[in-house]
Amino acid sequence: GFRPASQLGIAAPDPELPDEVFMALPLQS
């Protein structure tokens, strides 16, 4: 269920990280 965090408006701590490797899993809340 993880997807690129950028799709949720969350930017990686390092702007050099490729978008596809920094992911988020939105929880129920």
PDB file of all heavy atoms in Angstrom:
ATOM      1  N   GLY A   1       0.783  -1.230   0.000  1.00  0.00           N
ATOM      2  CA  GLY A   1       0.000   0.000   0.000  1.00  0.00           C
ATOM      3  C   GLY A   1       0.816   1.281   0.000  1.00  0.00           C
ATOM      4  O   GLY A   1       0.252   2.372   0.004  1.00  0.00           O
ATOM      5  N   PHE A   2       2.138   1.164  -0.007  1.00  0.00           N
ATOM      6  CA  PHE A   2       2.982   2.360  -0.053  1.00  0.00           C
ATOM      7  C   PHE A   2       2.936   2.972  -1.448  1.00  0.00           C
ATOM      8  O   PHE A   2       2.823   2.249  -2.440  1.00  0.00           O
ATOM      9  CB  PHE A   2       4.434   2.012   0.301  1.00  0.00           C
ATOM     10  CG  PHE A   2       4.652   1.777   1.760  1.00  0.00           C
ATOM     11  CD1 PHE A   2       4.470   0.519   2.314  1.00  0.00           C
ATOM     12  CD2 PHE A   2       5.042   2.817   2.591  1.00  0.00           C
ATOM     13  CE1 PHE A   2       4.678   0.298   3.661  1.00  0.00           C
ATOM     14  CE2 PHE A   2       5.254   2.601   3.944  1.00  0.00           C
ATOM     15  CZ  PHE A   2       5.065   1.333   4.485  1.00  0.00           C
ATOM     16  N   ARG A   3       3.043   4.297  -1.506  1.00  0.00           N
ATOM     17  CA  ARG A   3       3.142   5.015  -2.778  1.00  0.00           C
ATOM     18  C   ARG A   3       4.074   6.201  -2.577  1.00  0.00           C
ATOM     19  O   ARG A   3       4.366   6.572  -1.438  1.00  0.00           O
ATOM     20  CB  ARG A   3       1.776   5.434  -3.267  1.00  0.00           C
ATOM     21  CG  ARG A   3       1.031   6.358  -2.340  1.00  0.00           C
ATOM     22  CD  ARG A   3      -0.364   6.577  -2.896  1.00  0.00           C
ATOM     23  NE  ARG A   3      -1.036   7.623  -2.181  1.00  0.00           N
ATOM     24  CZ  ARG A   3      -2.301   7.567  -1.827  1.00  0.00           C
ATOM     25  NH1 ARG A   3      -3.018   6.516  -2.108  1.00  0.00           N
ATOM     26  NH2 ARG A   3      -2.855   8.574  -1.213  1.00  0.00           N
ATOM     27  N   PRO A   4       4.565   6.798  -3.645  1.00  0.00           N
ATOM     28  CA  PRO A   4       5.471   7.931  -3.470  1.00  0.00           C
ATOM     29  C   PRO A   4       4.859   8.983  -2.532  1.00  0.00           C
ATOM     30  O   PRO A   4       3.709   9.393  -2.703  1.00  0.00           O
ATOM     31  CB  PRO A   4       5.652   8.469  -4.885  1.00  0.00           C
ATOM     32  CG  PRO A   4       5.471   7.261  -5.752  1.00  0.00           C
ATOM     33  CD  PRO A   4       4.374   6.472  -5.072  1.00  0.00           C
ATOM     34  N   ALA A   5       5.623   9.380  -1.536  1.00  0.00           N
ATOM     35  CA  ALA A   5       5.137  10.338  -0.539  1.00  0.00           C
ATOM     36  C   ALA A   5       4.761  11.667  -1.184  1.00  0.00           C
ATOM     37  O   ALA A   5       3.867  12.367  -0.707  1.00  0.00           O
ATOM     38  CB  ALA A   5       6.187  10.543   0.546  1.00  0.00           C
ATOM     39  N   SER A   6       5.410  12.001  -2.277  1.00  0.00           N
ATOM     40  CA  SER A   6       5.117  13.269  -2.950  1.00  0.00           C
ATOM     41  C   SER A   6       3.666  13.324  -3.419  1.00  0.00           C
ATOM     42  O   SER A   6       3.080  14.405  -3.500  1.00  0.00           O
ATOM     43  CB  SER A   6       6.065  13.465  -4.134  1.00  0.00           C
ATOM     44  OG  SER A   6       5.862  12.439  -5.094  1.00  0.00           O
ATOM     45  N   GLN A   7       3.071  12.171  -3.710  1.00  0.00           N
ATOM     46  CA  GLN A   7       1.661  12.135  -4.114  1.00  0.00           C
ATOM     47  C   GLN A   7       0.741  12.591  -2.983  1.00  0.00           C
ATOM     48  O   GLN A   7      -0.407  12.958  -3.226  1.00  0.00           O
ATOM     49  CB  GLN A   7       1.260  10.730  -4.567  1.00  0.00           C
ATOM     50  CG  GLN A   7       1.931  10.277  -5.832  1.00  0.00           C
ATOM     51  CD  GLN A   7       1.558   8.852  -6.202  1.00  0.00           C
ATOM     52  OE1 GLN A   7       0.759   8.188  -5.542  1.00  0.00           O
ATOM     53  NE2 GLN A   7       2.154   8.356  -7.279  1.00  0.00           N
ATOM     54  N   LEU A   8       1.257  12.561  -1.762  1.00  0.00           N
ATOM     55  CA  LEU A   8       0.485  12.993  -0.598  1.00  0.00           C
ATOM     56  C   LEU A   8       0.934  14.362  -0.101  1.00  0.00           C
ATOM     57  O   LEU A   8       0.528  14.797   0.975  1.00  0.00           O
ATOM     58  CB  LEU A   8       0.625  11.957   0.528  1.00  0.00           C
ATOM     59  CG  LEU A   8       0.175  10.542   0.165  1.00  0.00           C
ATOM     60  CD1 LEU A   8       0.569   9.561   1.249  1.00  0.00           C
ATOM     61  CD2 LEU A   8      -1.315  10.510  -0.077  1.00  0.00           C
ATOM     62  N   GLY A   9       1.793  15.021  -0.868  1.00  0.00           N
ATOM     63  CA  GLY A   9       2.284  16.340  -0.462  1.00  0.00           C
ATOM     64  C   GLY A   9       3.381  16.291   0.568  1.00  0.00           C
ATOM     65  O   GLY A   9       3.631  17.264   1.271  1.00  0.00           O
ATOM     66  N   ILE A  10       4.073  15.157   0.661  1.00  0.00           N
ATOM     67  CA  ILE A  10       5.153  14.976   1.636  1.00  0.00           C
ATOM     68  C   ILE A  10       6.469  14.889   0.885  1.00  0.00           C
ATOM     69  O   ILE A  10       6.670  13.990   0.052  1.00  0.00           O
ATOM     70  CB  ILE A  10       4.915  13.712   2.484  1.00  0.00           C
ATOM     71  CG1 ILE A  10       3.599  13.855   3.258  1.00  0.00           C
ATOM     72  CG2 ILE A  10       6.092  13.462   3.423  1.00  0.00           C
ATOM     73  CD1 ILE A  10       3.174  12.592   3.977  1.00  0.00           C
ATOM     74  N   ALA A  11       7.369  15.814   1.187  1.00  0.00           N
ATOM     75  CA  ALA A  11       8.674  15.871   0.520  1.00  0.00           C
ATOM     76  C   ALA A  11       9.716  15.111   1.334  1.00  0.00           C
ATOM     77  O   ALA A  11       9.709  15.137   2.567  1.00  0.00           O
ATOM     78  CB  ALA A  11       9.104  17.320   0.338  1.00  0.00           C
ATOM     79  N   ALA A  12      10.615  14.448   0.642  1.00  0.00           N
ATOM     80  CA  ALA A  12      11.698  13.698   1.278  1.00  0.00           C
ATOM     81  C   ALA A  12      12.632  14.638   2.038  1.00  0.00           C
ATOM     82  O   ALA A  12      12.743  15.819   1.705  1.00  0.00           O
ATOM     83  CB  ALA A  12      12.483  12.934   0.216  1.00  0.00           C
ATOM     84  N   PRO A  13      13.330  14.115   3.040  1.00  0.00           N
ATOM     85  CA  PRO A  13      14.260  14.955   3.794  1.00  0.00           C
ATOM     86  C   PRO A  13      15.423  15.454   2.954  1.00  0.00           C
ATOM     87  O   PRO A  13      15.983  16.500   3.221  1.00  0.00           O
ATOM     88  CB  PRO A  13      14.744  14.051   4.920  1.00  0.00           C
ATOM     89  CG  PRO A  13      14.411  12.670   4.498  1.00  0.00           C
ATOM     90  CD  PRO A  13      13.276  12.757   3.538  1.00  0.00           C
ATOM     91  N   ASP A  14      15.769  14.699   1.925  1.00  0.00           N
ATOM     92  CA  ASP A  14      16.845  15.077   1.019  1.00  0.00           C
ATOM     93  C   ASP A  14      16.258  15.231  -0.376  1.00  0.00           C
ATOM     94  O   ASP A  14      15.766  14.258  -0.960  1.00  0.00           O
ATOM     95  CB  ASP A  14      17.926  13.990   1.026  1.00  0.00           C
ATOM     96  CG  ASP A  14      19.088  14.279   0.101  1.00  0.00           C
ATOM     97  OD1 ASP A  14      19.018  15.242  -0.700  1.00  0.00           O
ATOM     98  OD2 ASP A  14      20.066  13.520   0.161  1.00  0.00           O
ATOM     99  N   PRO A  15      16.289  16.437  -0.937  1.00  0.00           N
ATOM    100  CA  PRO A  15      15.699  16.638  -2.259  1.00  0.00           C
ATOM    101  C   PRO A  15      16.357  15.809  -3.357  1.00  0.00           C
ATOM    102  O   PRO A  15      15.794  15.652  -4.439  1.00  0.00           O
ATOM    103  CB  PRO A  15      15.883  18.127  -2.529  1.00  0.00           C
ATOM    104  CG  PRO A  15      16.516  18.720  -1.348  1.00  0.00           C
ATOM    105  CD  PRO A  15      16.839  17.639  -0.368  1.00  0.00           C
ATOM    106  N   GLU A  16      17.529  15.254  -3.089  1.00  0.00           N
ATOM    107  CA  GLU A  16      18.220  14.418  -4.075  1.00  0.00           C
ATOM    108  C   GLU A  16      17.665  12.993  -4.145  1.00  0.00           C
ATOM    109  O   GLU A  16      17.987  12.250  -5.066  1.00  0.00           O
ATOM    110  CB  GLU A  16      19.714  14.363  -3.751  1.00  0.00           C
ATOM    111  CG  GLU A  16      20.403  15.716  -3.787  1.00  0.00           C
ATOM    112  CD  GLU A  16      20.420  16.313  -5.186  1.00  0.00           C
ATOM    113  OE1 GLU A  16      20.702  15.575  -6.149  1.00  0.00           O
ATOM    114  OE2 GLU A  16      20.125  17.518  -5.313  1.00  0.00           O
ATOM    115  N   LEU A  17      16.847  12.604  -3.161  1.00  0.00           N
ATOM    116  CA  LEU A  17      16.290  11.250  -3.175  1.00  0.00           C
ATOM    117  C   LEU A  17      15.311  11.107  -4.335  1.00  0.00           C
ATOM    118  O   LEU A  17      14.445  11.954  -4.529  1.00  0.00           O
ATOM    119  CB  LEU A  17      15.538  10.962  -1.869  1.00  0.00           C
ATOM    120  CG  LEU A  17      16.377  10.670  -0.643  1.00  0.00           C
ATOM    121  CD1 LEU A  17      15.493  10.567   0.589  1.00  0.00           C
ATOM    122  CD2 LEU A  17      17.165   9.389  -0.841  1.00  0.00           C
ATOM    123  N   PRO A  18      15.421  10.025  -5.087  1.00  0.00           N
ATOM    124  CA  PRO A  18      14.456   9.797  -6.165  1.00  0.00           C
ATOM    125  C   PRO A  18      13.040   9.646  -5.595  1.00  0.00           C
ATOM    126  O   PRO A  18      12.839   8.995  -4.567  1.00  0.00           O
ATOM    127  CB  PRO A  18      14.924   8.487  -6.801  1.00  0.00           C
ATOM    128  CG  PRO A  18      16.347   8.341  -6.387  1.00  0.00           C
ATOM    129  CD  PRO A  18      16.466   9.010  -5.044  1.00  0.00           C
ATOM    130  N   ASP A  19      12.093  10.236  -6.254  1.00  0.00           N
ATOM    131  CA  ASP A  19      10.705  10.238  -5.801  1.00  0.00           C
ATOM    132  C   ASP A  19      10.174   8.830  -5.552  1.00  0.00           C
ATOM    133  O   ASP A  19       9.449   8.586  -4.591  1.00  0.00           O
ATOM    134  CB  ASP A  19       9.849  10.960  -6.855  1.00  0.00           C
ATOM    135  CG  ASP A  19       8.476  11.309  -6.346  1.00  0.00           C
ATOM    136  OD1 ASP A  19       8.377  11.871  -5.241  1.00  0.00           O
ATOM    137  OD2 ASP A  19       7.505  11.011  -7.052  1.00  0.00           O
ATOM    138  N   GLU A  20      10.547   7.886  -6.391  1.00  0.00           N
ATOM    139  CA  GLU A  20       9.968   6.544  -6.299  1.00  0.00           C
ATOM    140  C   GLU A  20      10.477   5.725  -5.118  1.00  0.00           C
ATOM    141  O   GLU A  20       9.910   4.680  -4.799  1.00  0.00           O
ATOM    142  CB  GLU A  20      10.181   5.767  -7.608  1.00  0.00           C
ATOM    143  CG  GLU A  20      11.616   5.419  -7.918  1.00  0.00           C
ATOM    144  CD  GLU A  20      12.367   6.508  -8.683  1.00  0.00           C
ATOM    145  OE1 GLU A  20      11.822   7.618  -8.872  1.00  0.00           O
ATOM    146  OE2 GLU A  20      13.506   6.250  -9.086  1.00  0.00           O
ATOM    147  N   VAL A  21      11.529   6.170  -4.426  1.00  0.00           N
ATOM    148  CA  VAL A  21      12.042   5.390  -3.296  1.00  0.00           C
ATOM    149  C   VAL A  21      11.629   5.945  -1.938  1.00  0.00           C
ATOM    150  O   VAL A  21      11.800   5.275  -0.930  1.00  0.00           O
ATOM    151  CB  VAL A  21      13.585   5.240  -3.342  1.00  0.00           C
ATOM    152  CG1 VAL A  21      14.023   4.574  -4.630  1.00  0.00           C
ATOM    153  CG2 VAL A  21      14.294   6.546  -3.124  1.00  0.00           C
ATOM    154  N   PHE A  22      11.077   7.157  -1.895  1.00  0.00           N
ATOM    155  CA  PHE A  22      10.599   7.717  -0.633  1.00  0.00           C
ATOM    156  C   PHE A  22       9.081   7.621  -0.635  1.00  0.00           C
ATOM    157  O   PHE A  22       8.396   8.350  -1.335  1.00  0.00           O
ATOM    158  CB  PHE A  22      11.060   9.167  -0.454  1.00  0.00           C
ATOM    159  CG  PHE A  22      10.732   9.713   0.906  1.00  0.00           C
ATOM    160  CD1 PHE A  22      11.364   9.216   2.029  1.00  0.00           C
ATOM    161  CD2 PHE A  22       9.774  10.695   1.059  1.00  0.00           C
ATOM    162  CE1 PHE A  22      11.063   9.698   3.293  1.00  0.00           C
ATOM    163  CE2 PHE A  22       9.460  11.187   2.317  1.00  0.00           C
ATOM    164  CZ  PHE A  22      10.102  10.681   3.434  1.00  0.00           C
ATOM    165  N   MET A  23       8.572   6.663   0.153  1.00  0.00           N
ATOM    166  CA  MET A  23       7.155   6.305   0.077  1.00  0.00           C
ATOM    167  C   MET A  23       6.446   6.475   1.411  1.00  0.00           C
ATOM    168  O   MET A  23       7.072   6.487   2.469  1.00  0.00           O
ATOM    169  CB  MET A  23       7.026   4.861  -0.390  1.00  0.00           C
ATOM    170  CG  MET A  23       7.492   4.642  -1.816  1.00  0.00           C
ATOM    171  SD  MET A  23       7.566   2.907  -2.264  1.00  0.00           S
ATOM    172  CE  MET A  23       9.242   2.527  -1.745  1.00  0.00           C
ATOM    173  N   ALA A  24       5.131   6.589   1.325  1.00  0.00           N
ATOM    174  CA  ALA A  24       4.274   6.732   2.498  1.00  0.00           C
ATOM    175  C   ALA A  24       3.134   5.732   2.415  1.00  0.00           C
ATOM    176  O   ALA A  24       2.713   5.330   1.328  1.00  0.00           O
ATOM    177  CB  ALA A  24       3.707   8.146   2.572  1.00  0.00           C
ATOM    178  N   LEU A  25       2.646   5.357   3.574  1.00  0.00           N
ATOM    179  CA  LEU A  25       1.470   4.501   3.678  1.00  0.00           C
ATOM    180  C   LEU A  25       0.425   5.266   4.475  1.00  0.00           C
ATOM    181  O   LEU A  25       0.572   5.427   5.683  1.00  0.00           O
ATOM    182  CB  LEU A  25       1.807   3.183   4.382  1.00  0.00           C
ATOM    183  CG  LEU A  25       0.634   2.251   4.650  1.00  0.00           C
ATOM    184  CD1 LEU A  25       0.065   1.723   3.340  1.00  0.00           C
ATOM    185  CD2 LEU A  25       1.062   1.111   5.542  1.00  0.00           C
ATOM    186  N   PRO A  26      -0.597   5.783   3.817  1.00  0.00           N
ATOM    187  CA  PRO A  26      -1.636   6.504   4.560  1.00  0.00           C
ATOM    188  C   PRO A  26      -2.427   5.544   5.452  1.00  0.00           C
ATOM    189  O   PRO A  26      -2.897   4.517   4.983  1.00  0.00           O
ATOM    190  CB  PRO A  26      -2.536   7.094   3.469  1.00  0.00           C
ATOM    191  CG  PRO A  26      -1.869   6.830   2.177  1.00  0.00           C
ATOM    192  CD  PRO A  26      -0.851   5.758   2.391  1.00  0.00           C
ATOM    193  N   LEU A  27      -2.526   5.885   6.719  1.00  0.00           N
ATOM    194  CA  LEU A  27      -3.286   5.065   7.657  1.00  0.00           C
ATOM    195  C   LEU A  27      -4.741   5.515   7.678  1.00  0.00           C
ATOM    196  O   LEU A  27      -5.112   6.520   7.071  1.00  0.00           O
ATOM    197  CB  LEU A  27      -2.667   5.179   9.049  1.00  0.00           C
ATOM    198  CG  LEU A  27      -1.211   4.717   9.155  1.00  0.00           C
ATOM    199  CD1 LEU A  27      -0.688   4.928  10.568  1.00  0.00           C
ATOM    200  CD2 LEU A  27      -1.065   3.265   8.751  1.00  0.00           C
ATOM    201  N   GLN A  28      -5.561   4.806   8.415  1.00  0.00           N
ATOM    202  CA  GLN A  28      -6.983   5.129   8.488  1.00  0.00           C
ATOM    203  C   GLN A  28      -7.210   6.555   8.982  1.00  0.00           C
ATOM    204  O   GLN A  28      -8.117   7.232   8.522  1.00  0.00           O
ATOM    205  CB  GLN A  28      -7.690   4.133   9.402  1.00  0.00           C
ATOM    206  CG  GLN A  28      -9.192   4.305   9.434  1.00  0.00           C
ATOM    207  CD  GLN A  28      -9.864   3.228  10.254  1.00  0.00           C
ATOM    208  OE1 GLN A  28      -9.202   2.403  10.871  1.00  0.00           O
ATOM    209  NE2 GLN A  28     -11.170   3.235  10.267  1.00  0.00           N
ATOM    210  N   SER A  29      -6.375   7.026   9.887  1.00  0.00           N
ATOM    211  CA  SER A  29      -6.547   8.366  10.440  1.00  0.00           C
ATOM    212  C   SER A  29      -5.798   9.437   9.632  1.00  0.00           C
ATOM    213  O   SER A  29      -5.646  10.562  10.083  1.00  0.00           O
ATOM    214  CB  SER A  29      -6.084   8.402  11.896  1.00  0.00           C
ATOM    215  OG  SER A  29      -4.705   8.078  11.965  1.00  0.00           O
TER     216      SER A  29
END
